[in-house]
Amino acid sequence: MLRLDLHVHTRFSKDSSAPIPSVVERCQKARLGVVAITDHGNILGALEVRSVAPFPVIVGEEIKSTAGDIIGLFLREEVPEGLSALETVHRVKEQGGLVVAPHPFCRLRSTALGLRALEDILPFVDLIEGYNSHTVLPGDNARGVAFAEKHSLPMVACSDAHSALELGSTFTEVPEGEFDGTPEGLVRAVKAGRMVGKRPNPLLLLAPVYARLRKVLA
């Protein structure tokens, strides 16, 4: 079986201080077979990790639309932030990429997509997070699962790691032969896989706050 984590941040995100070497090393120790680097508003971290990692790396970006966060995978260039949700997903699709709905219905994040926004972009959504390690309120992940099941959307479990130590506790496990490196192959593999979700040490969930403070005070 192949372990996928499709929502990982590096020091190129404003709320992460995770060094590239640490991310690569931890992915290897955690036996993650495929990782998507999805920094906020840029693909710089993804390109750097891809250039040094001995495992497949998907170039992604977590994009802040006017309706909330949207993840694009298999990108060739950055998608600007601040566009409408529909324009954002169109920009991803124009590159042949996949659209992922991250941490839907998370009540502690002002940038989480709500029901109306999800319904607006539904025809373009390829994957949805059924489990996100940073979604902490009871029931929020469950609402994402219910929405996915209602609309027959393939679900993934993602660490949303903002520090290297978070990697490896949450992933999507898929049959190794199903993923061929293409967007279509990824969707096919996820459909044949299963989610493995485990919340990391609560202190690690404070990594985004710590990283923001460090960057402000630097």
N, C-alpha and C. Protein backbone atom coordinates (compact mmCIF):
# COMPACT_ATOMS: atom_id res chain seq x y z
N MET A 1 0.84 -1.20 0.00
CA MET A 1 0.00 0.00 0.00
C MET A 1 0.87 1.25 0.00
N LEU A 2 0.35 2.31 -0.58
CA LEU A 2 1.08 3.58 -0.73
C LEU A 2 0.41 4.63 0.14
N ARG A 3 1.21 5.35 0.93
CA ARG A 3 0.68 6.40 1.80
C ARG A 3 0.79 7.76 1.13
N LEU A 4 -0.34 8.47 1.06
CA LEU A 4 -0.38 9.80 0.46
C LEU A 4 -0.74 10.83 1.52
N ASP A 5 -0.05 11.96 1.50
CA ASP A 5 -0.46 13.12 2.30
C ASP A 5 -0.52 14.30 1.33
N LEU A 6 -1.71 14.81 1.10
CA LEU A 6 -1.93 15.79 0.04
C LEU A 6 -2.14 17.22 0.56
N HIS A 7 -1.69 17.49 1.79
CA HIS A 7 -1.86 18.83 2.36
C HIS A 7 -0.74 19.07 3.37
N VAL A 8 0.39 19.58 2.86
CA VAL A 8 1.58 19.76 3.70
C VAL A 8 2.16 21.15 3.45
N HIS A 9 2.56 21.83 4.53
CA HIS A 9 3.14 23.16 4.45
C HIS A 9 4.63 23.14 4.79
N THR A 10 5.34 24.12 4.24
CA THR A 10 6.76 24.30 4.54
C THR A 10 6.99 25.76 4.98
N ARG A 11 8.25 26.10 5.14
CA ARG A 11 8.59 27.47 5.57
C ARG A 11 8.12 28.53 4.59
N PHE A 12 7.69 28.14 3.41
CA PHE A 12 7.20 29.10 2.43
C PHE A 12 5.76 29.53 2.71
N SER A 13 5.13 28.92 3.72
CA SER A 13 3.82 29.39 4.18
C SER A 13 4.04 30.38 5.32
N LYS A 14 3.18 31.36 5.40
CA LYS A 14 3.32 32.39 6.44
C LYS A 14 3.13 31.83 7.84
N ASP A 15 2.47 30.68 7.95
CA ASP A 15 2.21 30.10 9.26
C ASP A 15 2.95 28.78 9.48
N SER A 16 4.08 28.62 8.81
CA SER A 16 4.90 27.43 8.99
C SER A 16 6.37 27.81 8.97
N SER A 17 7.15 27.13 9.80
CA SER A 17 8.60 27.34 9.80
C SER A 17 9.33 26.05 9.42
N ALA A 18 8.61 25.09 8.88
CA ALA A 18 9.18 23.78 8.59
C ALA A 18 10.25 23.86 7.51
N PRO A 19 11.53 23.56 7.83
CA PRO A 19 12.58 23.60 6.82
C PRO A 19 12.40 22.48 5.79
N ILE A 20 12.81 22.74 4.58
CA ILE A 20 12.67 21.74 3.51
C ILE A 20 13.36 20.43 3.87
N PRO A 21 14.63 20.45 4.33
CA PRO A 21 15.29 19.18 4.66
C PRO A 21 14.55 18.37 5.72
N SER A 22 13.99 19.06 6.71
CA SER A 22 13.25 18.37 7.78
C SER A 22 11.98 17.71 7.25
N VAL A 23 11.30 18.41 6.35
CA VAL A 23 10.08 17.85 5.75
C VAL A 23 10.41 16.59 4.96
N VAL A 24 11.44 16.65 4.14
CA VAL A 24 11.83 15.49 3.33
C VAL A 24 12.23 14.33 4.22
N GLU A 25 13.05 14.60 5.24
CA GLU A 25 13.52 13.54 6.13
C GLU A 25 12.36 12.89 6.88
N ARG A 26 11.45 13.71 7.37
CA ARG A 26 10.33 13.17 8.12
C ARG A 26 9.39 12.35 7.23
N CYS A 27 9.18 12.80 6.01
CA CYS A 27 8.34 12.03 5.07
C CYS A 27 8.92 10.64 4.86
N GLN A 28 10.23 10.57 4.72
CA GLN A 28 10.87 9.27 4.52
C GLN A 28 10.71 8.39 5.76
N LYS A 29 10.93 8.95 6.94
CA LYS A 29 10.80 8.18 8.17
C LYS A 29 9.37 7.69 8.38
N ALA A 30 8.41 8.49 7.96
CA ALA A 30 7.00 8.14 8.12
C ALA A 30 6.49 7.24 7.00
N ARG A 31 7.36 6.91 6.07
CA ARG A 31 7.02 6.04 4.94
C ARG A 31 5.87 6.62 4.09
N LEU A 32 5.91 7.93 3.91
CA LEU A 32 4.96 8.56 3.00
C LEU A 32 5.47 8.38 1.58
N GLY A 33 4.65 7.81 0.72
CA GLY A 33 5.12 7.50 -0.63
C GLY A 33 4.93 8.63 -1.62
N VAL A 34 3.90 9.45 -1.41
CA VAL A 34 3.61 10.60 -2.27
C VAL A 34 3.14 11.74 -1.39
N VAL A 35 3.70 12.92 -1.61
CA VAL A 35 3.34 14.08 -0.79
C VAL A 35 3.01 15.25 -1.70
N ALA A 36 1.96 15.98 -1.37
CA ALA A 36 1.64 17.24 -2.04
C ALA A 36 2.02 18.39 -1.13
N ILE A 37 2.89 19.27 -1.60
CA ILE A 37 3.25 20.46 -0.85
C ILE A 37 2.30 21.58 -1.27
N THR A 38 1.60 22.12 -0.28
CA THR A 38 0.49 23.05 -0.57
C THR A 38 0.63 24.32 0.27
N ASP A 39 1.69 25.06 0.04
CA ASP A 39 1.90 26.29 0.80
C ASP A 39 0.84 27.33 0.44
N HIS A 40 0.63 28.26 1.36
CA HIS A 40 -0.35 29.32 1.15
C HIS A 40 0.13 30.31 0.09
N GLY A 41 -0.61 30.40 -1.00
CA GLY A 41 -0.38 31.45 -1.98
C GLY A 41 0.85 31.34 -2.84
N ASN A 42 1.54 30.21 -2.82
CA ASN A 42 2.72 30.05 -3.68
C ASN A 42 3.06 28.59 -3.87
N ILE A 43 3.90 28.31 -4.88
CA ILE A 43 4.35 26.93 -5.14
C ILE A 43 5.86 26.79 -4.95
N LEU A 44 6.48 27.78 -4.30
CA LEU A 44 7.93 27.77 -4.15
C LEU A 44 8.41 26.57 -3.33
N GLY A 45 7.74 26.30 -2.22
CA GLY A 45 8.12 25.16 -1.39
C GLY A 45 7.94 23.85 -2.12
N ALA A 46 6.86 23.73 -2.87
CA ALA A 46 6.61 22.50 -3.62
C ALA A 46 7.70 22.24 -4.65
N LEU A 47 8.11 23.28 -5.34
CA LEU A 47 9.16 23.12 -6.35
C LEU A 47 10.49 22.74 -5.70
N GLU A 48 10.78 23.35 -4.54
CA GLU A 48 12.04 23.03 -3.87
C GLU A 48 12.04 21.61 -3.33
N VAL A 49 10.94 21.20 -2.70
CA VAL A 49 10.87 19.83 -2.19
C VAL A 49 10.97 18.84 -3.34
N ARG A 50 10.28 19.11 -4.42
CA ARG A 50 10.33 18.20 -5.57
C ARG A 50 11.74 18.05 -6.12
N SER A 51 12.53 19.12 -6.03
CA SER A 51 13.89 19.08 -6.60
C SER A 51 14.86 18.24 -5.76
N VAL A 52 14.52 17.98 -4.49
CA VAL A 52 15.46 17.25 -3.63
C VAL A 52 14.90 15.94 -3.08
N ALA A 53 13.61 15.75 -3.11
CA ALA A 53 13.02 14.56 -2.48
C ALA A 53 13.23 13.31 -3.33
N PRO A 54 13.50 12.17 -2.68
CA PRO A 54 13.65 10.91 -3.40
C PRO A 54 12.33 10.18 -3.62
N PHE A 55 11.22 10.87 -3.38
CA PHE A 55 9.88 10.31 -3.57
C PHE A 55 9.07 11.29 -4.41
N PRO A 56 7.97 10.83 -5.01
CA PRO A 56 7.16 11.73 -5.84
C PRO A 56 6.54 12.87 -5.03
N VAL A 57 6.65 14.07 -5.57
CA VAL A 57 6.08 15.26 -4.93
C VAL A 57 5.13 15.94 -5.91
N ILE A 58 3.91 16.19 -5.45
CA ILE A 58 2.92 16.89 -6.26
C ILE A 58 2.99 18.38 -5.94
N VAL A 59 3.09 19.19 -6.96
CA VAL A 59 3.14 20.64 -6.78
C VAL A 59 1.72 21.15 -6.55
N GLY A 60 1.51 21.72 -5.37
CA GLY A 60 0.19 22.22 -5.03
C GLY A 60 0.26 23.60 -4.41
N GLU A 61 -0.90 24.13 -4.11
CA GLU A 61 -1.01 25.46 -3.50
C GLU A 61 -2.35 25.53 -2.76
N GLU A 62 -2.32 26.06 -1.55
CA GLU A 62 -3.56 26.36 -0.84
C GLU A 62 -3.89 27.82 -1.15
N ILE A 63 -4.99 28.03 -1.87
CA ILE A 63 -5.32 29.33 -2.44
C ILE A 63 -6.50 29.93 -1.68
N LYS A 64 -6.32 31.14 -1.21
CA LYS A 64 -7.38 31.82 -0.47
C LYS A 64 -8.27 32.57 -1.46
N SER A 65 -9.42 32.00 -1.74
CA SER A 65 -10.40 32.68 -2.59
C SER A 65 -11.27 33.58 -1.73
N THR A 66 -12.14 34.34 -2.36
CA THR A 66 -13.02 35.22 -1.59
C THR A 66 -14.03 34.43 -0.77
N ALA A 67 -14.21 33.15 -1.11
CA ALA A 67 -15.16 32.32 -0.36
C ALA A 67 -14.47 31.36 0.60
N GLY A 68 -13.14 31.31 0.56
CA GLY A 68 -12.42 30.40 1.44
C GLY A 68 -11.30 29.67 0.72
N ASP A 69 -10.63 28.79 1.47
CA ASP A 69 -9.45 28.09 0.94
C ASP A 69 -9.82 26.99 -0.04
N ILE A 70 -9.03 26.91 -1.09
CA ILE A 70 -9.16 25.86 -2.11
C ILE A 70 -7.75 25.36 -2.42
N ILE A 71 -7.57 24.06 -2.52
CA ILE A 71 -6.27 23.50 -2.87
C ILE A 71 -6.26 23.11 -4.35
N GLY A 72 -5.21 23.51 -5.03
CA GLY A 72 -4.97 23.06 -6.39
C GLY A 72 -3.77 22.13 -6.40
N LEU A 73 -3.87 21.01 -7.09
CA LEU A 73 -2.78 20.04 -7.22
C LEU A 73 -2.37 19.89 -8.67
N PHE A 74 -1.11 19.49 -8.89
CA PHE A 74 -0.53 19.33 -10.23
C PHE A 74 -0.47 20.67 -10.96
N LEU A 75 -0.04 21.68 -10.24
CA LEU A 75 0.04 23.02 -10.82
C LEU A 75 1.38 23.24 -11.52
N ARG A 76 1.35 24.07 -12.54
CA ARG A 76 2.57 24.50 -13.23
C ARG A 76 2.93 25.93 -12.85
N GLU A 77 1.93 26.69 -12.41
CA GLU A 77 2.17 28.07 -11.98
C GLU A 77 1.20 28.42 -10.87
N GLU A 78 1.57 29.44 -10.11
CA GLU A 78 0.74 29.86 -8.99
C GLU A 78 -0.61 30.40 -9.45
N VAL A 79 -1.63 30.15 -8.64
CA VAL A 79 -2.94 30.74 -8.86
C VAL A 79 -3.07 31.92 -7.90
N PRO A 80 -3.41 33.11 -8.39
CA PRO A 80 -3.49 34.28 -7.50
C PRO A 80 -4.56 34.10 -6.43
N GLU A 81 -4.29 34.67 -5.26
CA GLU A 81 -5.30 34.67 -4.22
C GLU A 81 -6.26 35.84 -4.43
N GLY A 82 -7.40 35.80 -3.75
CA GLY A 82 -8.35 36.90 -3.81
C GLY A 82 -9.35 36.83 -4.95
N LEU A 83 -9.31 35.74 -5.72
CA LEU A 83 -10.30 35.56 -6.79
C LEU A 83 -11.54 34.90 -6.21
N SER A 84 -12.63 34.92 -6.96
CA SER A 84 -13.82 34.20 -6.52
C SER A 84 -13.52 32.70 -6.51
N ALA A 85 -14.34 31.95 -5.80
CA ALA A 85 -14.13 30.51 -5.74
C ALA A 85 -14.22 29.88 -7.13
N LEU A 86 -15.21 30.33 -7.91
CA LEU A 86 -15.35 29.77 -9.26
C LEU A 86 -14.15 30.11 -10.15
N GLU A 87 -13.67 31.34 -10.07
CA GLU A 87 -12.51 31.72 -10.87
C GLU A 87 -11.27 30.94 -10.42
N THR A 88 -11.16 30.71 -9.13
CA THR A 88 -10.03 29.96 -8.60
C THR A 88 -10.00 28.54 -9.14
N VAL A 89 -11.13 27.86 -9.08
CA VAL A 89 -11.14 26.48 -9.57
C VAL A 89 -10.94 26.44 -11.07
N HIS A 90 -11.43 27.44 -11.79
CA HIS A 90 -11.20 27.49 -13.24
C HIS A 90 -9.71 27.64 -13.53
N ARG A 91 -9.00 28.45 -12.75
CA ARG A 91 -7.55 28.63 -12.95
C ARG A 91 -6.80 27.32 -12.71
N VAL A 92 -7.25 26.54 -11.73
CA VAL A 92 -6.64 25.23 -11.47
C VAL A 92 -6.90 24.29 -12.64
N LYS A 93 -8.14 24.24 -13.08
CA LYS A 93 -8.52 23.33 -14.16
C LYS A 93 -7.83 23.69 -15.48
N GLU A 94 -7.60 24.97 -15.70
CA GLU A 94 -6.90 25.39 -16.93
C GLU A 94 -5.50 24.81 -17.01
N GLN A 95 -4.92 24.48 -15.86
CA GLN A 95 -3.58 23.89 -15.83
C GLN A 95 -3.63 22.36 -15.85
N GLY A 96 -4.83 21.81 -15.95
CA GLY A 96 -4.96 20.36 -15.90
C GLY A 96 -4.87 19.81 -14.50
N GLY A 97 -5.08 20.69 -13.49
CA GLY A 97 -4.92 20.29 -12.10
C GLY A 97 -6.18 19.74 -11.48
N LEU A 98 -6.02 19.29 -10.24
CA LEU A 98 -7.13 18.78 -9.45
C LEU A 98 -7.53 19.82 -8.41
N VAL A 99 -8.82 19.87 -8.12
CA VAL A 99 -9.36 20.76 -7.09
C VAL A 99 -9.69 19.94 -5.84
N VAL A 100 -9.16 20.38 -4.72
CA VAL A 100 -9.41 19.72 -3.44
C VAL A 100 -10.08 20.71 -2.50
N ALA A 101 -11.11 20.28 -1.81
CA ALA A 101 -11.76 21.11 -0.78
C ALA A 101 -11.14 20.78 0.57
N PRO A 102 -10.32 21.70 1.12
CA PRO A 102 -9.66 21.40 2.39
C PRO A 102 -10.49 21.83 3.60
N HIS A 103 -10.34 21.07 4.68
CA HIS A 103 -11.00 21.34 5.98
C HIS A 103 -12.38 21.99 5.82
N PRO A 104 -13.30 21.35 5.08
CA PRO A 104 -14.63 21.96 4.93
C PRO A 104 -15.37 21.99 6.26
N PHE A 105 -16.15 23.02 6.45
CA PHE A 105 -17.04 23.17 7.61
C PHE A 105 -16.29 23.36 8.93
N CYS A 106 -14.97 23.62 8.88
CA CYS A 106 -14.23 23.83 10.12
C CYS A 106 -14.64 25.17 10.74
N ARG A 107 -15.27 25.12 11.90
CA ARG A 107 -15.84 26.32 12.51
C ARG A 107 -14.79 27.25 13.12
N LEU A 108 -13.57 26.75 13.30
CA LEU A 108 -12.53 27.57 13.89
C LEU A 108 -11.69 28.30 12.83
N ARG A 109 -12.01 28.13 11.56
CA ARG A 109 -11.25 28.78 10.50
C ARG A 109 -12.18 29.66 9.67
N SER A 110 -11.88 30.92 9.64
CA SER A 110 -12.69 31.84 8.84
C SER A 110 -12.52 31.58 7.35
N THR A 111 -11.46 30.88 6.98
CA THR A 111 -11.20 30.63 5.56
C THR A 111 -11.68 29.25 5.09
N ALA A 112 -12.42 28.54 5.94
CA ALA A 112 -12.97 27.25 5.51
C ALA A 112 -14.18 27.47 4.60
N LEU A 113 -14.26 26.70 3.55
CA LEU A 113 -15.42 26.79 2.65
C LEU A 113 -16.68 26.36 3.39
N GLY A 114 -17.73 27.13 3.23
CA GLY A 114 -19.02 26.77 3.80
C GLY A 114 -19.87 26.01 2.79
N LEU A 115 -21.07 25.67 3.20
CA LEU A 115 -21.94 24.86 2.37
C LEU A 115 -22.25 25.53 1.04
N ARG A 116 -22.57 26.82 1.07
CA ARG A 116 -22.95 27.50 -0.17
C ARG A 116 -21.79 27.54 -1.16
N ALA A 117 -20.60 27.84 -0.67
CA ALA A 117 -19.43 27.90 -1.56
C ALA A 117 -19.11 26.52 -2.12
N LEU A 118 -19.22 25.50 -1.29
CA LEU A 118 -18.95 24.14 -1.77
C LEU A 118 -19.95 23.73 -2.86
N GLU A 119 -21.18 24.09 -2.66
CA GLU A 119 -22.19 23.74 -3.67
C GLU A 119 -21.93 24.50 -4.97
N ASP A 120 -21.44 25.73 -4.87
CA ASP A 120 -21.16 26.52 -6.07
C ASP A 120 -20.06 25.88 -6.93
N ILE A 121 -19.02 25.34 -6.27
CA ILE A 121 -17.89 24.79 -7.03
C ILE A 121 -17.96 23.27 -7.16
N LEU A 122 -19.04 22.67 -6.68
CA LEU A 122 -19.17 21.21 -6.64
C LEU A 122 -18.83 20.51 -7.96
N PRO A 123 -19.28 21.02 -9.12
CA PRO A 123 -18.96 20.31 -10.38
C PRO A 123 -17.47 20.22 -10.68
N PHE A 124 -16.66 21.03 -10.00
CA PHE A 124 -15.23 21.08 -10.30
C PHE A 124 -14.36 20.44 -9.21
N VAL A 125 -14.99 20.00 -8.13
CA VAL A 125 -14.24 19.43 -7.01
C VAL A 125 -13.90 17.97 -7.32
N ASP A 126 -12.62 17.64 -7.24
CA ASP A 126 -12.16 16.27 -7.50
C ASP A 126 -12.03 15.45 -6.23
N LEU A 127 -11.57 16.09 -5.15
CA LEU A 127 -11.35 15.41 -3.88
C LEU A 127 -11.79 16.34 -2.75
N ILE A 128 -12.14 15.75 -1.61
CA ILE A 128 -12.50 16.54 -0.44
C ILE A 128 -11.85 15.90 0.78
N GLU A 129 -11.44 16.74 1.71
CA GLU A 129 -10.85 16.21 2.93
C GLU A 129 -11.95 15.68 3.85
N GLY A 130 -11.94 14.37 4.05
CA GLY A 130 -12.86 13.76 5.00
C GLY A 130 -12.31 13.79 6.41
N TYR A 131 -10.98 13.97 6.49
CA TYR A 131 -10.33 14.10 7.79
C TYR A 131 -9.16 15.06 7.64
N ASN A 132 -9.13 16.08 8.48
CA ASN A 132 -8.03 17.03 8.54
C ASN A 132 -7.57 17.10 9.98
N SER A 133 -6.27 16.89 10.20
CA SER A 133 -5.74 16.79 11.56
C SER A 133 -5.87 18.08 12.35
N HIS A 134 -5.99 19.22 11.66
CA HIS A 134 -6.10 20.50 12.35
C HIS A 134 -7.56 20.92 12.54
N THR A 135 -8.50 20.08 12.16
CA THR A 135 -9.91 20.34 12.42
C THR A 135 -10.24 19.68 13.75
N VAL A 136 -10.41 20.48 14.79
CA VAL A 136 -10.43 19.94 16.15
C VAL A 136 -11.82 19.86 16.80
N LEU A 137 -12.78 20.64 16.32
CA LEU A 137 -14.10 20.61 16.96
C LEU A 137 -14.85 19.33 16.58
N PRO A 138 -15.46 18.68 17.54
CA PRO A 138 -16.21 17.46 17.25
C PRO A 138 -17.30 17.72 16.21
N GLY A 139 -17.36 16.86 15.25
CA GLY A 139 -18.41 16.95 14.24
C GLY A 139 -18.03 17.65 12.96
N ASP A 140 -16.98 18.49 12.98
CA ASP A 140 -16.65 19.24 11.77
C ASP A 140 -16.13 18.33 10.66
N ASN A 141 -15.21 17.40 11.00
CA ASN A 141 -14.78 16.43 10.00
C ASN A 141 -15.95 15.56 9.54
N ALA A 142 -16.83 15.22 10.48
CA ALA A 142 -17.98 14.38 10.15
C ALA A 142 -18.90 15.07 9.15
N ARG A 143 -19.02 16.38 9.25
CA ARG A 143 -19.85 17.12 8.28
C ARG A 143 -19.24 17.04 6.88
N GLY A 144 -17.91 17.08 6.82
CA GLY A 144 -17.25 16.93 5.53
C GLY A 144 -17.49 15.55 4.94
N VAL A 145 -17.43 14.53 5.78
CA VAL A 145 -17.69 13.15 5.33
C VAL A 145 -19.12 13.02 4.82
N ALA A 146 -20.06 13.59 5.56
CA ALA A 146 -21.47 13.50 5.14
C ALA A 146 -21.69 14.19 3.80
N PHE A 147 -21.06 15.36 3.62
CA PHE A 147 -21.20 16.08 2.34
C PHE A 147 -20.59 15.26 1.21
N ALA A 148 -19.42 14.67 1.45
CA ALA A 148 -18.76 13.86 0.43
C ALA A 148 -19.61 12.65 0.05
N GLU A 149 -20.17 12.00 1.04
CA GLU A 149 -20.99 10.82 0.75
C GLU A 149 -22.26 11.20 -0.01
N LYS A 150 -22.84 12.32 0.35
CA LYS A 150 -24.06 12.77 -0.33
C LYS A 150 -23.80 13.05 -1.81
N HIS A 151 -22.61 13.59 -2.11
CA HIS A 151 -22.31 14.00 -3.48
C HIS A 151 -21.31 13.06 -4.17
N SER A 152 -21.04 11.90 -3.56
CA SER A 152 -20.16 10.89 -4.15
C SER A 152 -18.77 11.44 -4.50
N LEU A 153 -18.18 12.20 -3.57
CA LEU A 153 -16.85 12.76 -3.77
C LEU A 153 -15.81 11.88 -3.09
N PRO A 154 -14.71 11.57 -3.77
CA PRO A 154 -13.64 10.79 -3.13
C PRO A 154 -13.03 11.58 -1.98
N MET A 155 -12.76 10.90 -0.87
CA MET A 155 -12.27 11.57 0.34
C MET A 155 -10.81 11.22 0.62
N VAL A 156 -10.10 12.21 1.16
CA VAL A 156 -8.72 12.00 1.59
C VAL A 156 -8.57 12.44 3.04
N ALA A 157 -7.61 11.84 3.73
CA ALA A 157 -7.21 12.26 5.07
C ALA A 157 -5.87 12.96 4.94
N CYS A 158 -5.77 14.15 5.49
CA CYS A 158 -4.57 14.97 5.32
C CYS A 158 -4.09 15.51 6.66
N SER A 159 -2.76 15.61 6.79
CA SER A 159 -2.20 16.10 8.05
C SER A 159 -2.36 17.61 8.18
N ASP A 160 -2.37 18.33 7.05
CA ASP A 160 -2.34 19.81 7.09
C ASP A 160 -1.14 20.25 7.93
N ALA A 161 -0.04 19.50 7.80
CA ALA A 161 1.12 19.70 8.66
C ALA A 161 1.75 21.06 8.44
N HIS A 162 2.02 21.74 9.56
CA HIS A 162 2.75 23.00 9.54
C HIS A 162 4.12 22.86 10.21
N SER A 163 4.42 21.64 10.65
CA SER A 163 5.72 21.30 11.20
C SER A 163 6.04 19.87 10.77
N ALA A 164 7.32 19.58 10.65
CA ALA A 164 7.72 18.27 10.14
C ALA A 164 7.26 17.13 11.06
N LEU A 165 7.22 17.38 12.35
CA LEU A 165 6.87 16.33 13.31
C LEU A 165 5.43 15.84 13.16
N GLU A 166 4.59 16.62 12.52
CA GLU A 166 3.20 16.20 12.34
C GLU A 166 3.04 15.16 11.24
N LEU A 167 4.02 15.03 10.39
CA LEU A 167 3.90 14.15 9.23
C LEU A 167 3.92 12.68 9.64
N GLY A 168 3.02 11.91 9.04
CA GLY A 168 3.00 10.47 9.26
C GLY A 168 1.87 9.96 10.11
N SER A 169 1.17 10.84 10.82
CA SER A 169 0.07 10.37 11.66
C SER A 169 -1.24 10.27 10.89
N THR A 170 -1.37 11.08 9.86
CA THR A 170 -2.59 11.09 9.05
C THR A 170 -2.22 11.00 7.58
N PHE A 171 -2.90 10.12 6.86
CA PHE A 171 -2.60 9.93 5.44
C PHE A 171 -3.75 9.16 4.79
N THR A 172 -3.68 9.06 3.48
CA THR A 172 -4.61 8.22 2.71
C THR A 172 -3.82 7.05 2.17
N GLU A 173 -4.28 5.86 2.45
CA GLU A 173 -3.58 4.65 2.03
C GLU A 173 -4.26 4.09 0.79
N VAL A 174 -3.49 3.91 -0.28
CA VAL A 174 -4.06 3.47 -1.55
C VAL A 174 -3.26 2.28 -2.09
N PRO A 175 -3.87 1.46 -2.96
CA PRO A 175 -3.12 0.39 -3.60
C PRO A 175 -1.99 0.97 -4.45
N GLU A 176 -0.78 0.47 -4.27
CA GLU A 176 0.38 1.07 -4.91
C GLU A 176 0.28 1.12 -6.42
N GLY A 177 -0.31 0.12 -7.03
CA GLY A 177 -0.37 0.08 -8.48
C GLY A 177 -1.39 1.00 -9.11
N GLU A 178 -2.24 1.63 -8.27
CA GLU A 178 -3.30 2.47 -8.81
C GLU A 178 -2.81 3.86 -9.21
N PHE A 179 -1.78 4.37 -8.55
CA PHE A 179 -1.33 5.73 -8.84
C PHE A 179 -0.22 5.71 -9.87
N ASP A 180 -0.46 6.36 -11.00
CA ASP A 180 0.50 6.37 -12.10
C ASP A 180 1.18 7.72 -12.28
N GLY A 181 1.01 8.61 -11.31
CA GLY A 181 1.64 9.92 -11.39
C GLY A 181 0.82 10.99 -12.06
N THR A 182 -0.36 10.65 -12.55
CA THR A 182 -1.21 11.61 -13.24
C THR A 182 -2.35 12.06 -12.33
N PRO A 183 -2.97 13.20 -12.64
CA PRO A 183 -4.15 13.61 -11.86
C PRO A 183 -5.25 12.56 -11.87
N GLU A 184 -5.50 12.00 -13.03
CA GLU A 184 -6.54 10.97 -13.13
C GLU A 184 -6.18 9.74 -12.29
N GLY A 185 -4.90 9.40 -12.31
CA GLY A 185 -4.45 8.26 -11.53
C GLY A 185 -4.58 8.49 -10.04
N LEU A 186 -4.38 9.72 -9.61
CA LEU A 186 -4.52 10.04 -8.19
C LEU A 186 -5.97 9.87 -7.75
N VAL A 187 -6.89 10.39 -8.53
CA VAL A 187 -8.31 10.25 -8.18
C VAL A 187 -8.69 8.77 -8.15
N ARG A 188 -8.22 8.03 -9.14
CA ARG A 188 -8.53 6.59 -9.18
C ARG A 188 -7.97 5.88 -7.95
N ALA A 189 -6.75 6.24 -7.55
CA ALA A 189 -6.14 5.60 -6.39
C ALA A 189 -6.90 5.92 -5.11
N VAL A 190 -7.30 7.20 -4.97
CA VAL A 190 -8.04 7.60 -3.77
C VAL A 190 -9.36 6.84 -3.67
N LYS A 191 -10.02 6.67 -4.77
CA LYS A 191 -11.30 5.94 -4.77
C LYS A 191 -11.12 4.51 -4.28
N ALA A 192 -9.93 3.94 -4.50
CA ALA A 192 -9.67 2.57 -4.08
C ALA A 192 -8.99 2.49 -2.72
N GLY A 193 -8.80 3.65 -2.08
CA GLY A 193 -8.03 3.68 -0.84
C GLY A 193 -8.89 3.86 0.39
N ARG A 194 -8.22 4.19 1.49
CA ARG A 194 -8.91 4.42 2.77
C ARG A 194 -8.20 5.52 3.54
N MET A 195 -8.94 6.21 4.38
CA MET A 195 -8.39 7.30 5.18
C MET A 195 -7.85 6.75 6.51
N VAL A 196 -6.70 7.26 6.90
CA VAL A 196 -6.13 6.94 8.21
C VAL A 196 -5.90 8.26 8.92
N GLY A 197 -6.67 8.53 9.96
CA GLY A 197 -6.59 9.82 10.64
C GLY A 197 -6.28 9.67 12.11
N LYS A 198 -5.24 10.35 12.56
CA LYS A 198 -4.86 10.35 13.97
C LYS A 198 -4.40 11.75 14.33
N ARG A 199 -5.00 12.33 15.36
CA ARG A 199 -4.63 13.68 15.74
C ARG A 199 -3.25 13.70 16.36
N PRO A 200 -2.39 14.65 15.94
CA PRO A 200 -1.05 14.73 16.51
C PRO A 200 -1.07 15.28 17.94
N ASN A 201 0.08 15.32 18.56
CA ASN A 201 0.22 15.94 19.86
C ASN A 201 -0.40 17.34 19.82
N PRO A 202 -1.28 17.66 20.80
CA PRO A 202 -1.95 18.97 20.77
C PRO A 202 -0.99 20.15 20.67
N LEU A 203 0.19 20.02 21.24
CA LEU A 203 1.16 21.11 21.17
C LEU A 203 1.58 21.38 19.73
N LEU A 204 1.62 20.33 18.90
CA LEU A 204 2.01 20.51 17.50
C LEU A 204 0.96 21.29 16.72
N LEU A 205 -0.28 21.26 17.20
CA LEU A 205 -1.33 22.01 16.52
C LEU A 205 -1.15 23.51 16.68
N LEU A 206 -0.28 23.89 17.60
CA LEU A 206 0.03 25.31 17.78
C LEU A 206 1.13 25.79 16.85
N ALA A 207 1.65 24.89 16.01
CA ALA A 207 2.76 25.25 15.11
C ALA A 207 2.44 26.47 14.25
N PRO A 208 1.24 26.61 13.68
CA PRO A 208 0.96 27.81 12.87
C PRO A 208 1.07 29.11 13.66
N VAL A 209 0.59 29.10 14.90
CA VAL A 209 0.66 30.30 15.74
C VAL A 209 2.12 30.64 16.05
N TYR A 210 2.89 29.61 16.42
CA TYR A 210 4.30 29.82 16.74
C TYR A 210 5.06 30.35 15.53
N ALA A 211 4.78 29.79 14.36
CA ALA A 211 5.48 30.22 13.15
C ALA A 211 5.16 31.66 12.80
N ARG A 212 3.90 32.04 12.92
CA ARG A 212 3.51 33.44 12.65
C ARG A 212 4.24 34.40 13.57
N LEU A 213 4.30 34.07 14.86
CA LEU A 213 4.97 34.93 15.82
C LEU A 213 6.46 35.07 15.50
N ARG A 214 7.09 33.95 15.15
CA ARG A 214 8.52 33.98 14.83
C ARG A 214 8.78 34.89 13.64
N LYS A 215 7.92 34.83 12.63
CA LYS A 215 8.13 35.61 11.43
C LYS A 215 7.85 37.09 11.67
N VAL A 216 6.89 37.36 12.54
CA VAL A 216 6.59 38.76 12.87
C VAL A 216 7.74 39.39 13.66
N LEU A 217 8.30 38.60 14.58
CA LEU A 217 9.34 39.12 15.47
C LEU A 217 10.73 39.06 14.88
N ALA A 218 10.87 38.34 13.75
CA ALA A 218 12.21 38.18 13.16
C ALA A 218 12.76 39.51 12.65
